[in-house]
Amino acid sequence: MNRGEYSVILDQASWRFQAAVNRDAAERYFRAIHDQVGDCPPPDKPDYLFSNANTSGTTIRVRYSLRCEKQPLTEEIIFEIEDGLPRLDKYQASVPFELK
């Protein structure tokens, strides 16, 4: 997100994520988060990491607490393994904002 490559994030997301979101709204969402918190350093380690593998697939849930340029950010990200790669399936940020 620091580089503003929101379309790349969406292009590499899981098919479920892509089907569930409006692309323009998702890009505005990511941009609004970045505008509010500024650049964030890479996390040292996750607050927690949970993975679940079963006959339906593999899911990885991770939470990061970041000390960003303008304010702290907590991200909760769920990845679904598709074609052997982790794909963004859900994303939630701790910052309140309004989409414009």
N, C-alpha and C. Protein backbone atom coordinates (compact mmCIF):
# COMPACT_ATOMS: atom_id res chain seq x y z
N MET A 1 0.82 -1.19 0.00
CA MET A 1 0.00 0.00 0.00
C MET A 1 0.87 1.25 0.00
N ASN A 2 2.09 1.18 0.53
CA ASN A 2 2.95 2.36 0.55
C ASN A 2 3.22 2.89 -0.85
N ARG A 3 3.28 1.99 -1.83
CA ARG A 3 3.56 2.41 -3.21
C ARG A 3 2.29 2.79 -3.97
N GLY A 4 1.11 2.66 -3.35
CA GLY A 4 -0.13 3.02 -4.01
C GLY A 4 -0.54 2.05 -5.11
N GLU A 5 -0.06 0.84 -5.04
CA GLU A 5 -0.35 -0.16 -6.07
C GLU A 5 -1.61 -0.96 -5.72
N TYR A 6 -2.71 -0.24 -5.54
CA TYR A 6 -3.97 -0.86 -5.11
C TYR A 6 -4.50 -1.82 -6.16
N SER A 7 -4.32 -1.50 -7.44
CA SER A 7 -4.81 -2.39 -8.49
C SER A 7 -4.04 -3.72 -8.47
N VAL A 8 -2.77 -3.68 -8.12
CA VAL A 8 -1.97 -4.91 -8.02
C VAL A 8 -2.50 -5.77 -6.87
N ILE A 9 -2.80 -5.13 -5.74
CA ILE A 9 -3.36 -5.86 -4.60
C ILE A 9 -4.65 -6.56 -5.03
N LEU A 10 -5.50 -5.84 -5.74
CA LEU A 10 -6.78 -6.42 -6.17
C LEU A 10 -6.59 -7.50 -7.22
N ASP A 11 -5.67 -7.28 -8.15
CA ASP A 11 -5.41 -8.28 -9.20
C ASP A 11 -4.93 -9.60 -8.62
N GLN A 12 -4.20 -9.54 -7.49
CA GLN A 12 -3.63 -10.74 -6.90
C GLN A 12 -4.48 -11.31 -5.76
N ALA A 13 -5.64 -10.70 -5.50
CA ALA A 13 -6.54 -11.17 -4.45
C ALA A 13 -7.23 -12.46 -4.88
N SER A 14 -7.84 -13.14 -3.92
CA SER A 14 -8.57 -14.37 -4.22
C SER A 14 -9.76 -14.07 -5.12
N TRP A 15 -10.22 -15.08 -5.81
CA TRP A 15 -11.39 -14.89 -6.68
C TRP A 15 -12.60 -14.47 -5.86
N ARG A 16 -12.70 -14.96 -4.61
CA ARG A 16 -13.83 -14.59 -3.76
C ARG A 16 -13.80 -13.11 -3.41
N PHE A 17 -12.61 -12.61 -3.08
CA PHE A 17 -12.46 -11.20 -2.76
C PHE A 17 -12.83 -10.34 -3.97
N GLN A 18 -12.29 -10.71 -5.13
CA GLN A 18 -12.56 -9.95 -6.35
C GLN A 18 -14.05 -9.94 -6.69
N ALA A 19 -14.72 -11.06 -6.45
CA ALA A 19 -16.15 -11.15 -6.76
C ALA A 19 -17.00 -10.38 -5.75
N ALA A 20 -16.50 -10.21 -4.53
CA ALA A 20 -17.30 -9.62 -3.45
C ALA A 20 -17.20 -8.10 -3.37
N VAL A 21 -16.17 -7.51 -3.97
CA VAL A 21 -15.97 -6.06 -3.80
C VAL A 21 -16.11 -5.33 -5.13
N ASN A 22 -16.51 -4.09 -5.02
CA ASN A 22 -16.49 -3.18 -6.15
C ASN A 22 -15.05 -2.68 -6.26
N ARG A 23 -14.44 -2.86 -7.40
CA ARG A 23 -13.02 -2.54 -7.58
C ARG A 23 -12.72 -1.07 -7.26
N ASP A 24 -13.52 -0.15 -7.77
CA ASP A 24 -13.28 1.28 -7.51
C ASP A 24 -13.41 1.60 -6.02
N ALA A 25 -14.42 1.03 -5.38
CA ALA A 25 -14.61 1.26 -3.94
C ALA A 25 -13.45 0.67 -3.14
N ALA A 26 -12.96 -0.50 -3.54
CA ALA A 26 -11.84 -1.13 -2.83
C ALA A 26 -10.58 -0.28 -2.98
N GLU A 27 -10.33 0.25 -4.17
CA GLU A 27 -9.16 1.11 -4.35
C GLU A 27 -9.28 2.38 -3.52
N ARG A 28 -10.48 2.97 -3.44
CA ARG A 28 -10.70 4.15 -2.61
C ARG A 28 -10.50 3.80 -1.14
N TYR A 29 -10.93 2.61 -0.72
CA TYR A 29 -10.76 2.14 0.66
C TYR A 29 -9.27 2.07 1.01
N PHE A 30 -8.48 1.41 0.18
CA PHE A 30 -7.04 1.30 0.44
C PHE A 30 -6.37 2.67 0.42
N ARG A 31 -6.74 3.51 -0.53
CA ARG A 31 -6.16 4.85 -0.62
C ARG A 31 -6.51 5.68 0.62
N ALA A 32 -7.75 5.58 1.08
CA ALA A 32 -8.18 6.34 2.26
C ALA A 32 -7.41 5.90 3.50
N ILE A 33 -7.17 4.61 3.64
CA ILE A 33 -6.38 4.12 4.77
C ILE A 33 -4.97 4.69 4.70
N HIS A 34 -4.36 4.59 3.54
CA HIS A 34 -2.99 5.09 3.39
C HIS A 34 -2.93 6.59 3.61
N ASP A 35 -3.89 7.34 3.08
CA ASP A 35 -3.90 8.79 3.29
C ASP A 35 -3.99 9.14 4.77
N GLN A 36 -4.74 8.35 5.52
CA GLN A 36 -4.93 8.66 6.93
C GLN A 36 -3.73 8.27 7.80
N VAL A 37 -3.10 7.14 7.50
CA VAL A 37 -2.01 6.67 8.37
C VAL A 37 -0.62 6.99 7.82
N GLY A 38 -0.50 7.28 6.53
CA GLY A 38 0.81 7.52 5.91
C GLY A 38 1.53 6.20 5.64
N ASP A 39 2.79 6.32 5.29
CA ASP A 39 3.59 5.12 5.02
C ASP A 39 3.79 4.33 6.30
N CYS A 40 3.80 3.01 6.15
CA CYS A 40 4.00 2.11 7.29
C CYS A 40 5.23 1.25 7.04
N PRO A 41 6.06 1.05 8.06
CA PRO A 41 7.21 0.17 7.90
C PRO A 41 6.74 -1.28 7.81
N PRO A 42 7.54 -2.14 7.22
CA PRO A 42 7.19 -3.56 7.24
C PRO A 42 7.11 -4.05 8.69
N PRO A 43 6.16 -4.91 9.00
CA PRO A 43 6.06 -5.40 10.38
C PRO A 43 7.22 -6.32 10.73
N ASP A 44 7.62 -6.26 12.02
CA ASP A 44 8.66 -7.17 12.50
C ASP A 44 8.13 -8.59 12.60
N LYS A 45 6.93 -8.70 13.18
CA LYS A 45 6.29 -9.99 13.34
C LYS A 45 4.80 -9.76 13.55
N PRO A 46 3.99 -10.75 13.28
CA PRO A 46 2.54 -10.57 13.48
C PRO A 46 2.18 -10.61 14.97
N ASP A 47 1.07 -9.94 15.30
CA ASP A 47 0.52 -10.05 16.65
C ASP A 47 0.02 -11.47 16.87
N TYR A 48 -0.62 -12.00 15.86
CA TYR A 48 -0.97 -13.42 15.88
C TYR A 48 -1.06 -13.94 14.47
N LEU A 49 -0.90 -15.23 14.36
CA LEU A 49 -0.94 -15.94 13.09
C LEU A 49 -1.68 -17.24 13.33
N PHE A 50 -2.67 -17.49 12.53
CA PHE A 50 -3.46 -18.71 12.66
C PHE A 50 -3.66 -19.29 11.27
N SER A 51 -3.43 -20.57 11.14
CA SER A 51 -3.69 -21.22 9.86
C SER A 51 -4.59 -22.42 10.07
N ASN A 52 -5.39 -22.69 9.07
CA ASN A 52 -6.33 -23.80 9.13
C ASN A 52 -6.32 -24.49 7.77
N ALA A 53 -6.01 -25.75 7.78
CA ALA A 53 -6.02 -26.54 6.55
C ALA A 53 -7.00 -27.69 6.71
N ASN A 54 -7.88 -27.82 5.75
CA ASN A 54 -8.82 -28.93 5.75
C ASN A 54 -9.17 -29.27 4.31
N THR A 55 -10.14 -30.13 4.11
CA THR A 55 -10.48 -30.56 2.76
C THR A 55 -11.05 -29.43 1.90
N SER A 56 -11.49 -28.34 2.52
CA SER A 56 -12.01 -27.19 1.77
C SER A 56 -10.90 -26.24 1.32
N GLY A 57 -9.70 -26.38 1.89
CA GLY A 57 -8.59 -25.50 1.52
C GLY A 57 -7.81 -25.05 2.73
N THR A 58 -6.92 -24.10 2.49
CA THR A 58 -6.07 -23.57 3.55
C THR A 58 -6.31 -22.07 3.69
N THR A 59 -6.52 -21.65 4.93
CA THR A 59 -6.73 -20.25 5.25
C THR A 59 -5.69 -19.82 6.27
N ILE A 60 -5.17 -18.61 6.09
CA ILE A 60 -4.20 -18.04 7.02
C ILE A 60 -4.75 -16.69 7.49
N ARG A 61 -4.83 -16.51 8.79
CA ARG A 61 -5.30 -15.25 9.38
C ARG A 61 -4.12 -14.65 10.13
N VAL A 62 -3.86 -13.37 9.87
CA VAL A 62 -2.73 -12.71 10.50
C VAL A 62 -3.14 -11.30 10.92
N ARG A 63 -2.61 -10.85 12.05
CA ARG A 63 -2.87 -9.48 12.53
C ARG A 63 -1.53 -8.81 12.76
N TYR A 64 -1.45 -7.56 12.27
CA TYR A 64 -0.25 -6.76 12.45
C TYR A 64 -0.60 -5.45 13.15
N SER A 65 0.25 -5.00 14.04
CA SER A 65 0.17 -3.66 14.62
C SER A 65 1.35 -2.88 14.08
N LEU A 66 1.05 -1.80 13.38
CA LEU A 66 2.09 -1.03 12.71
C LEU A 66 2.15 0.39 13.27
N ARG A 67 3.34 0.93 13.37
CA ARG A 67 3.54 2.33 13.78
C ARG A 67 3.80 3.12 12.51
N CYS A 68 2.73 3.60 11.93
CA CYS A 68 2.81 4.30 10.65
C CYS A 68 3.19 5.76 10.86
N GLU A 69 3.44 6.42 9.76
CA GLU A 69 3.92 7.79 9.74
C GLU A 69 3.00 8.76 10.50
N LYS A 70 1.68 8.67 10.30
CA LYS A 70 0.75 9.62 10.89
C LYS A 70 0.02 9.08 12.12
N GLN A 71 -0.22 7.79 12.15
CA GLN A 71 -0.91 7.18 13.29
C GLN A 71 -0.76 5.67 13.23
N PRO A 72 -0.97 4.98 14.35
CA PRO A 72 -0.86 3.52 14.36
C PRO A 72 -1.96 2.88 13.52
N LEU A 73 -1.68 1.69 13.04
CA LEU A 73 -2.63 0.93 12.23
C LEU A 73 -2.57 -0.53 12.67
N THR A 74 -3.73 -1.11 12.89
CA THR A 74 -3.84 -2.55 13.09
C THR A 74 -4.55 -3.13 11.88
N GLU A 75 -3.93 -4.11 11.26
CA GLU A 75 -4.51 -4.77 10.09
C GLU A 75 -4.81 -6.22 10.44
N GLU A 76 -5.97 -6.68 10.02
CA GLU A 76 -6.27 -8.11 10.09
C GLU A 76 -6.49 -8.57 8.66
N ILE A 77 -5.70 -9.54 8.26
CA ILE A 77 -5.71 -10.00 6.88
C ILE A 77 -5.95 -11.51 6.87
N ILE A 78 -6.84 -11.92 5.99
CA ILE A 78 -7.08 -13.35 5.79
C ILE A 78 -6.64 -13.69 4.37
N PHE A 79 -5.80 -14.69 4.28
CA PHE A 79 -5.34 -15.18 2.98
C PHE A 79 -5.94 -16.56 2.74
N GLU A 80 -6.29 -16.83 1.51
CA GLU A 80 -6.73 -18.14 1.07
C GLU A 80 -5.65 -18.65 0.11
N ILE A 81 -5.24 -19.89 0.27
CA ILE A 81 -4.24 -20.43 -0.63
C ILE A 81 -4.95 -20.87 -1.91
N GLU A 82 -4.55 -20.27 -3.03
CA GLU A 82 -5.07 -20.62 -4.35
C GLU A 82 -3.89 -20.85 -5.27
N ASP A 83 -3.89 -21.94 -5.97
CA ASP A 83 -2.80 -22.28 -6.89
C ASP A 83 -1.44 -22.25 -6.19
N GLY A 84 -1.43 -22.65 -4.91
CA GLY A 84 -0.20 -22.69 -4.15
C GLY A 84 0.29 -21.35 -3.63
N LEU A 85 -0.48 -20.27 -3.86
CA LEU A 85 -0.07 -18.93 -3.43
C LEU A 85 -1.08 -18.34 -2.45
N PRO A 86 -0.60 -17.56 -1.46
CA PRO A 86 -1.54 -16.89 -0.56
C PRO A 86 -2.19 -15.71 -1.30
N ARG A 87 -3.51 -15.70 -1.31
CA ARG A 87 -4.26 -14.63 -1.98
C ARG A 87 -5.11 -13.90 -0.95
N LEU A 88 -5.12 -12.57 -1.02
CA LEU A 88 -5.94 -11.77 -0.12
C LEU A 88 -7.39 -12.20 -0.23
N ASP A 89 -7.99 -12.55 0.91
CA ASP A 89 -9.38 -12.97 0.91
C ASP A 89 -10.26 -12.01 1.71
N LYS A 90 -9.69 -11.41 2.77
CA LYS A 90 -10.41 -10.41 3.57
C LYS A 90 -9.37 -9.46 4.16
N TYR A 91 -9.79 -8.21 4.33
CA TYR A 91 -8.89 -7.20 4.89
C TYR A 91 -9.71 -6.28 5.77
N GLN A 92 -9.17 -6.00 6.95
CA GLN A 92 -9.82 -5.06 7.86
C GLN A 92 -8.75 -4.20 8.51
N ALA A 93 -8.99 -2.89 8.51
CA ALA A 93 -8.07 -1.94 9.12
C ALA A 93 -8.73 -1.29 10.33
N SER A 94 -7.91 -0.86 11.28
CA SER A 94 -8.43 -0.33 12.53
C SER A 94 -8.77 1.16 12.46
N VAL A 95 -8.50 1.83 11.37
CA VAL A 95 -8.70 3.28 11.32
C VAL A 95 -10.10 3.63 10.82
N PRO A 96 -10.77 4.56 11.50
CA PRO A 96 -12.06 5.02 10.98
C PRO A 96 -11.84 6.10 9.92
N PHE A 97 -12.63 6.05 8.87
CA PHE A 97 -12.53 7.04 7.81
C PHE A 97 -13.83 7.02 7.00
N GLU A 98 -13.96 7.98 6.14
CA GLU A 98 -15.11 8.03 5.24
C GLU A 98 -14.62 7.94 3.81
N LEU A 99 -15.27 7.10 3.01
CA LEU A 99 -14.96 7.04 1.59
C LEU A 99 -15.57 8.26 0.92
N LYS A 100 -14.80 8.93 0.09
CA LYS A 100 -15.29 10.12 -0.60
C LYS A 100 -15.42 9.85 -2.07
